[in-house]
Amino acid sequence: MGLPAKKRTPRSRDDRRSHHALKPTTGKKCEKCDTPVLPHHACAKCGTYKGKQVIDVEKRLKRSVRSKKTA
C-alpha cells in the first residue's frame, strides 16, 4: 500500500484544485419568445429549436396535468 513520501503544502493542494471552480453557463434567447435557453437545447416554453417546432408543448402540458390528477 503506497503512502505519501512528503506532505503536500497548502499551495500545492490549492494549485491542484484550481480547475475545480464552476464556470458560468452561457445562454442565449429563444428566437420566437425571447426566453433564456441553453445552447443546443429546445425552448421549454414554446418548443422551438433553430426556428423549427420540435416539441408539442400543449400536448406535453396536458400529459403533465393528467399525471398530477392521478397522483
N, C-alpha and C. Protein backbone atom coordinates (compact mmCIF):
# COMPACT_ATOMS: atom_id res chain seq x y z
N MET A 1 0.84 -1.17 0.00
CA MET A 1 0.00 0.00 0.00
C MET A 1 0.90 1.24 0.00
N GLY A 2 0.70 2.11 -0.98
CA GLY A 2 1.55 3.29 -1.08
C GLY A 2 1.12 4.39 -0.12
N LEU A 3 2.10 5.08 0.41
CA LEU A 3 1.85 6.22 1.29
C LEU A 3 2.58 7.43 0.73
N PRO A 4 2.07 8.63 1.02
CA PRO A 4 2.76 9.82 0.53
C PRO A 4 4.15 9.94 1.16
N ALA A 5 5.14 10.24 0.32
CA ALA A 5 6.50 10.37 0.83
C ALA A 5 6.68 11.69 1.57
N LYS A 6 6.00 12.75 1.11
CA LYS A 6 6.11 14.06 1.75
C LYS A 6 4.74 14.70 1.85
N LYS A 7 4.60 15.59 2.81
CA LYS A 7 3.35 16.30 2.99
C LYS A 7 3.15 17.29 1.85
N ARG A 8 1.92 17.34 1.33
CA ARG A 8 1.61 18.33 0.29
C ARG A 8 1.34 19.67 0.97
N THR A 9 1.95 20.70 0.45
CA THR A 9 1.77 22.03 1.04
C THR A 9 0.40 22.57 0.64
N PRO A 10 -0.11 23.53 1.41
CA PRO A 10 -1.39 24.13 1.03
C PRO A 10 -1.35 24.75 -0.37
N ARG A 11 -0.23 25.30 -0.74
CA ARG A 11 -0.09 25.90 -2.07
C ARG A 11 -0.22 24.82 -3.15
N SER A 12 0.44 23.70 -2.94
CA SER A 12 0.38 22.60 -3.90
C SER A 12 -1.05 22.06 -4.00
N ARG A 13 -1.70 21.92 -2.85
CA ARG A 13 -3.08 21.45 -2.82
C ARG A 13 -4.01 22.40 -3.58
N ASP A 14 -3.86 23.71 -3.34
CA ASP A 14 -4.71 24.70 -3.99
C ASP A 14 -4.43 24.80 -5.49
N ASP A 15 -3.17 24.62 -5.88
CA ASP A 15 -2.84 24.62 -7.30
C ASP A 15 -3.52 23.44 -8.00
N ARG A 16 -3.57 22.32 -7.34
CA ARG A 16 -4.22 21.15 -7.93
C ARG A 16 -5.72 21.40 -8.10
N ARG A 17 -6.31 22.10 -7.17
CA ARG A 17 -7.76 22.35 -7.19
C ARG A 17 -8.15 23.58 -8.01
N SER A 18 -7.21 24.19 -8.67
CA SER A 18 -7.51 25.44 -9.38
C SER A 18 -8.52 25.26 -10.50
N HIS A 19 -8.67 24.04 -11.02
CA HIS A 19 -9.59 23.80 -12.13
C HIS A 19 -10.95 23.31 -11.66
N HIS A 20 -11.18 23.27 -10.36
CA HIS A 20 -12.44 22.75 -9.83
C HIS A 20 -13.54 23.80 -9.75
N ALA A 21 -13.25 25.04 -10.05
CA ALA A 21 -14.25 26.09 -9.91
C ALA A 21 -15.34 25.93 -10.96
N LEU A 22 -16.57 26.29 -10.59
CA LEU A 22 -17.68 26.23 -11.54
C LEU A 22 -17.57 27.37 -12.53
N LYS A 23 -17.88 27.08 -13.77
CA LYS A 23 -17.85 28.09 -14.81
C LYS A 23 -19.27 28.58 -15.05
N PRO A 24 -19.45 29.87 -15.34
CA PRO A 24 -20.81 30.37 -15.57
C PRO A 24 -21.39 29.77 -16.86
N THR A 25 -22.68 29.45 -16.81
CA THR A 25 -23.33 28.90 -18.00
C THR A 25 -23.62 30.02 -18.99
N THR A 26 -23.38 29.72 -20.24
CA THR A 26 -23.69 30.69 -21.27
C THR A 26 -25.09 30.40 -21.78
N GLY A 27 -25.79 31.42 -22.12
CA GLY A 27 -27.15 31.25 -22.60
C GLY A 27 -27.43 32.15 -23.79
N LYS A 28 -28.56 31.89 -24.41
CA LYS A 28 -29.00 32.75 -25.49
C LYS A 28 -30.50 32.90 -25.35
N LYS A 29 -31.07 33.76 -26.17
CA LYS A 29 -32.51 33.98 -26.12
C LYS A 29 -33.18 33.21 -27.24
N CYS A 30 -34.35 32.70 -26.95
CA CYS A 30 -35.14 31.99 -27.96
C CYS A 30 -35.53 32.99 -29.04
N GLU A 31 -35.45 32.56 -30.30
CA GLU A 31 -35.77 33.45 -31.42
C GLU A 31 -37.25 33.82 -31.44
N LYS A 32 -38.09 32.91 -30.95
CA LYS A 32 -39.53 33.12 -31.05
C LYS A 32 -40.11 33.86 -29.85
N CYS A 33 -39.72 33.44 -28.62
CA CYS A 33 -40.37 34.02 -27.43
C CYS A 33 -39.43 34.79 -26.52
N ASP A 34 -38.15 34.88 -26.85
CA ASP A 34 -37.16 35.66 -26.10
C ASP A 34 -36.95 35.20 -24.66
N THR A 35 -37.18 33.93 -24.37
CA THR A 35 -36.86 33.41 -23.04
C THR A 35 -35.44 32.85 -23.07
N PRO A 36 -34.72 32.87 -21.96
CA PRO A 36 -33.36 32.33 -21.95
C PRO A 36 -33.36 30.82 -22.19
N VAL A 37 -32.45 30.37 -23.06
CA VAL A 37 -32.36 28.96 -23.42
C VAL A 37 -30.89 28.57 -23.44
N LEU A 38 -30.59 27.34 -22.97
CA LEU A 38 -29.23 26.84 -23.08
C LEU A 38 -28.91 26.54 -24.54
N PRO A 39 -27.65 26.71 -24.95
CA PRO A 39 -27.30 26.42 -26.33
C PRO A 39 -27.52 24.94 -26.66
N HIS A 40 -27.95 24.67 -27.87
CA HIS A 40 -28.21 23.31 -28.38
C HIS A 40 -29.33 22.61 -27.63
N HIS A 41 -30.28 23.38 -27.08
CA HIS A 41 -31.45 22.83 -26.42
C HIS A 41 -32.70 23.48 -27.00
N ALA A 42 -33.78 22.74 -27.02
CA ALA A 42 -35.06 23.29 -27.46
C ALA A 42 -35.63 24.17 -26.35
N CYS A 43 -36.37 25.17 -26.74
CA CYS A 43 -37.00 26.09 -25.78
C CYS A 43 -38.10 25.34 -25.04
N ALA A 44 -38.10 25.41 -23.71
CA ALA A 44 -39.09 24.71 -22.91
C ALA A 44 -40.44 25.42 -22.96
N LYS A 45 -40.44 26.69 -23.26
CA LYS A 45 -41.69 27.45 -23.25
C LYS A 45 -42.48 27.29 -24.54
N CYS A 46 -41.80 27.44 -25.69
CA CYS A 46 -42.52 27.38 -26.97
C CYS A 46 -42.19 26.13 -27.78
N GLY A 47 -41.14 25.39 -27.43
CA GLY A 47 -40.83 24.12 -28.09
C GLY A 47 -40.13 24.25 -29.42
N THR A 48 -39.44 25.36 -29.68
CA THR A 48 -38.75 25.53 -30.96
C THR A 48 -37.25 25.31 -30.80
N TYR A 49 -36.63 24.88 -31.90
CA TYR A 49 -35.18 24.72 -31.94
C TYR A 49 -34.73 25.10 -33.34
N LYS A 50 -33.84 26.07 -33.43
CA LYS A 50 -33.34 26.59 -34.71
C LYS A 50 -34.49 27.03 -35.61
N GLY A 51 -35.50 27.66 -35.01
CA GLY A 51 -36.61 28.20 -35.78
C GLY A 51 -37.66 27.18 -36.19
N LYS A 52 -37.50 25.92 -35.79
CA LYS A 52 -38.47 24.89 -36.16
C LYS A 52 -39.17 24.37 -34.91
N GLN A 53 -40.45 24.04 -35.05
CA GLN A 53 -41.23 23.48 -33.95
C GLN A 53 -40.85 22.01 -33.77
N VAL A 54 -40.25 21.66 -32.63
CA VAL A 54 -39.81 20.28 -32.41
C VAL A 54 -40.53 19.61 -31.25
N ILE A 55 -41.15 20.38 -30.35
CA ILE A 55 -41.86 19.83 -29.20
C ILE A 55 -43.28 20.40 -29.19
N ASP A 56 -44.25 19.52 -29.05
CA ASP A 56 -45.64 19.96 -28.92
C ASP A 56 -45.87 20.28 -27.44
N VAL A 57 -45.75 21.56 -27.09
CA VAL A 57 -45.80 21.99 -25.69
C VAL A 57 -47.18 21.78 -25.09
N GLU A 58 -48.24 22.02 -25.87
CA GLU A 58 -49.60 21.86 -25.36
C GLU A 58 -49.87 20.39 -25.00
N LYS A 59 -49.43 19.47 -25.85
CA LYS A 59 -49.61 18.04 -25.59
C LYS A 59 -48.86 17.63 -24.34
N ARG A 60 -47.65 18.15 -24.18
CA ARG A 60 -46.84 17.83 -23.02
C ARG A 60 -47.47 18.37 -21.74
N LEU A 61 -48.05 19.58 -21.81
CA LEU A 61 -48.69 20.19 -20.66
C LEU A 61 -49.92 19.38 -20.24
N LYS A 62 -50.71 18.94 -21.24
CA LYS A 62 -51.89 18.12 -20.93
C LYS A 62 -51.47 16.82 -20.25
N ARG A 63 -50.39 16.23 -20.72
CA ARG A 63 -49.92 14.97 -20.15
C ARG A 63 -49.50 15.17 -18.70
N SER A 64 -48.80 16.28 -18.40
CA SER A 64 -48.35 16.52 -17.02
C SER A 64 -49.54 16.80 -16.10
N VAL A 65 -50.56 17.49 -16.60
CA VAL A 65 -51.74 17.77 -15.79
C VAL A 65 -52.47 16.47 -15.51
N ARG A 66 -52.58 15.60 -16.52
CA ARG A 66 -53.27 14.33 -16.35
C ARG A 66 -52.55 13.45 -15.32
N SER A 67 -51.20 13.44 -15.37
CA SER A 67 -50.47 12.61 -14.41
C SER A 67 -50.57 13.16 -12.99
N LYS A 68 -50.73 14.47 -12.84
CA LYS A 68 -50.88 15.05 -11.50
C LYS A 68 -52.24 14.72 -10.91
N LYS A 69 -53.26 14.58 -11.78
CA LYS A 69 -54.61 14.24 -11.29
C LYS A 69 -54.64 12.85 -10.70
N THR A 70 -53.95 11.91 -11.34
CA THR A 70 -53.97 10.53 -10.87
C THR A 70 -53.15 10.35 -9.60
N ALA A 71 -52.18 11.22 -9.39
CA ALA A 71 -51.31 11.07 -8.21
C ALA A 71 -51.94 11.65 -6.97
